């Protein structure tokens, strides 16, 4: 079976990340259980990797020069402390 990329799921290329996501995950049963997000932004107070183990991670507004409403946006992503601990253990 040939691997399918998000760009070959449709004749027209997707325009947004949401379009790509909806082409890959066409039903709730296919949704990933968790997503590991890595950021190159410097937010740590140490010289190593920092891992959030919060069940409700806070928003970081690490940009400037945008309309005020952009700093009021909230995305209620759920954290997974058990998974975060496992990732930390594997990286240690």
Protein backbone atom coordinates (compact mmCIF):
# COMPACT_ATOMS: atom_id res chain seq x y z
CA UNK A 1 0.00 0.00 0.00
CA UNK A 2 1.35 3.39 -0.97
CA UNK A 3 1.69 5.97 1.81
CA UNK A 4 -0.65 8.92 1.44
CA UNK A 5 0.43 12.41 2.33
CA UNK A 6 -1.96 15.17 3.27
CA UNK A 7 -1.19 16.88 -0.02
CA UNK A 8 -2.31 13.90 -2.11
CA UNK A 9 -5.62 13.40 -0.30
CA UNK A 10 -7.27 15.90 -2.62
CA UNK A 11 -6.73 17.24 -6.11
CA UNK A 12 -6.59 20.79 -4.76
CA UNK A 13 -3.83 21.45 -2.21
CA UNK A 14 -5.18 22.20 1.29
CA UNK A 15 -5.12 25.86 2.22
CA UNK A 16 -4.85 25.67 5.98
CA UNK A 17 -3.63 23.35 8.72
CA UNK A 18 -7.29 22.64 9.55
CA UNK A 19 -7.86 21.50 5.94
CA UNK A 20 -4.91 19.11 6.18
CA UNK A 21 -6.03 17.81 9.59
CA UNK A 22 -9.60 17.21 8.36
CA UNK A 23 -8.33 15.28 5.33
CA UNK A 24 -6.17 13.00 7.49
CA UNK A 25 -8.65 12.50 10.35
CA UNK A 26 -12.06 12.04 8.76
CA UNK A 27 -13.75 10.69 11.90
CA UNK A 28 -13.41 11.08 15.66
CA UNK A 29 -12.24 7.45 15.90
CA UNK A 30 -9.10 8.38 13.95
CA UNK A 31 -8.14 11.37 16.08
CA UNK A 32 -4.78 11.14 17.87
CA UNK A 33 -4.94 10.63 21.63
CA UNK A 34 -2.29 13.28 22.21
CA UNK A 35 0.05 15.53 20.29
CA UNK A 36 3.62 16.14 21.41
CA UNK A 37 4.39 19.79 20.74
CA UNK A 38 7.97 21.02 20.66
CA UNK A 39 8.74 24.72 20.67
CA UNK A 40 11.99 26.41 19.80
CA UNK A 41 10.97 29.43 21.84
CA UNK A 42 13.07 30.22 24.86
CA UNK A 43 10.75 30.08 27.85
CA UNK A 44 12.82 28.05 30.27
CA UNK A 45 14.59 29.33 33.34
CA UNK A 46 17.20 26.61 33.00
CA UNK A 47 19.82 25.56 30.46
CA UNK A 48 17.97 22.44 29.37
CA UNK A 49 14.64 21.20 28.15
CA UNK A 50 11.56 22.21 30.08
CA UNK A 51 8.44 20.05 29.92
CA UNK A 52 5.02 21.25 31.00
CA UNK A 53 3.27 18.67 33.15
CA UNK A 54 0.14 20.76 33.59
CA UNK A 55 -3.30 19.26 32.95
CA UNK A 56 -4.34 22.73 31.72
CA UNK A 57 -1.32 24.47 30.13
CA UNK A 58 -1.39 28.25 30.11
CA UNK A 59 -1.18 30.36 26.97
CA UNK A 60 2.07 32.07 26.02
CA UNK A 61 1.69 35.26 24.04
CA UNK A 62 5.30 35.51 22.89
CA UNK A 63 4.73 37.92 20.06
CA UNK A 64 4.13 41.64 19.75
CA UNK A 65 2.75 44.24 17.41
CA UNK A 66 -0.61 42.59 16.76
CA UNK A 67 -4.12 43.90 17.51
CA UNK A 68 -5.14 43.65 21.19
CA UNK A 69 -7.71 40.96 20.42
CA UNK A 70 -4.90 38.56 19.43
CA UNK A 71 -3.63 38.62 23.02
CA UNK A 72 -7.05 37.65 24.34
CA UNK A 73 -7.34 34.45 22.30
CA UNK A 74 -7.55 31.30 24.40
CA UNK A 75 -7.05 27.74 23.22
CA UNK A 76 -8.07 25.34 25.97
CA UNK A 77 -5.66 22.54 25.13
CA UNK A 78 -5.63 19.71 27.64
CA UNK A 79 -2.31 18.56 29.01
CA UNK A 80 -1.44 14.98 29.92
CA UNK A 81 0.77 14.97 33.04
CA UNK A 82 1.36 11.19 32.84
CA UNK A 83 2.50 11.40 29.22
CA UNK A 84 4.66 14.45 30.00
CA UNK A 85 6.36 12.52 32.80
CA UNK A 86 7.02 9.61 30.42
CA UNK A 87 8.55 11.95 27.82
CA UNK A 88 10.69 13.54 30.54
CA UNK A 89 11.87 10.11 31.72
CA UNK A 90 12.77 9.06 28.17
CA UNK A 91 14.75 12.26 27.56
CA UNK A 92 16.58 12.14 30.89
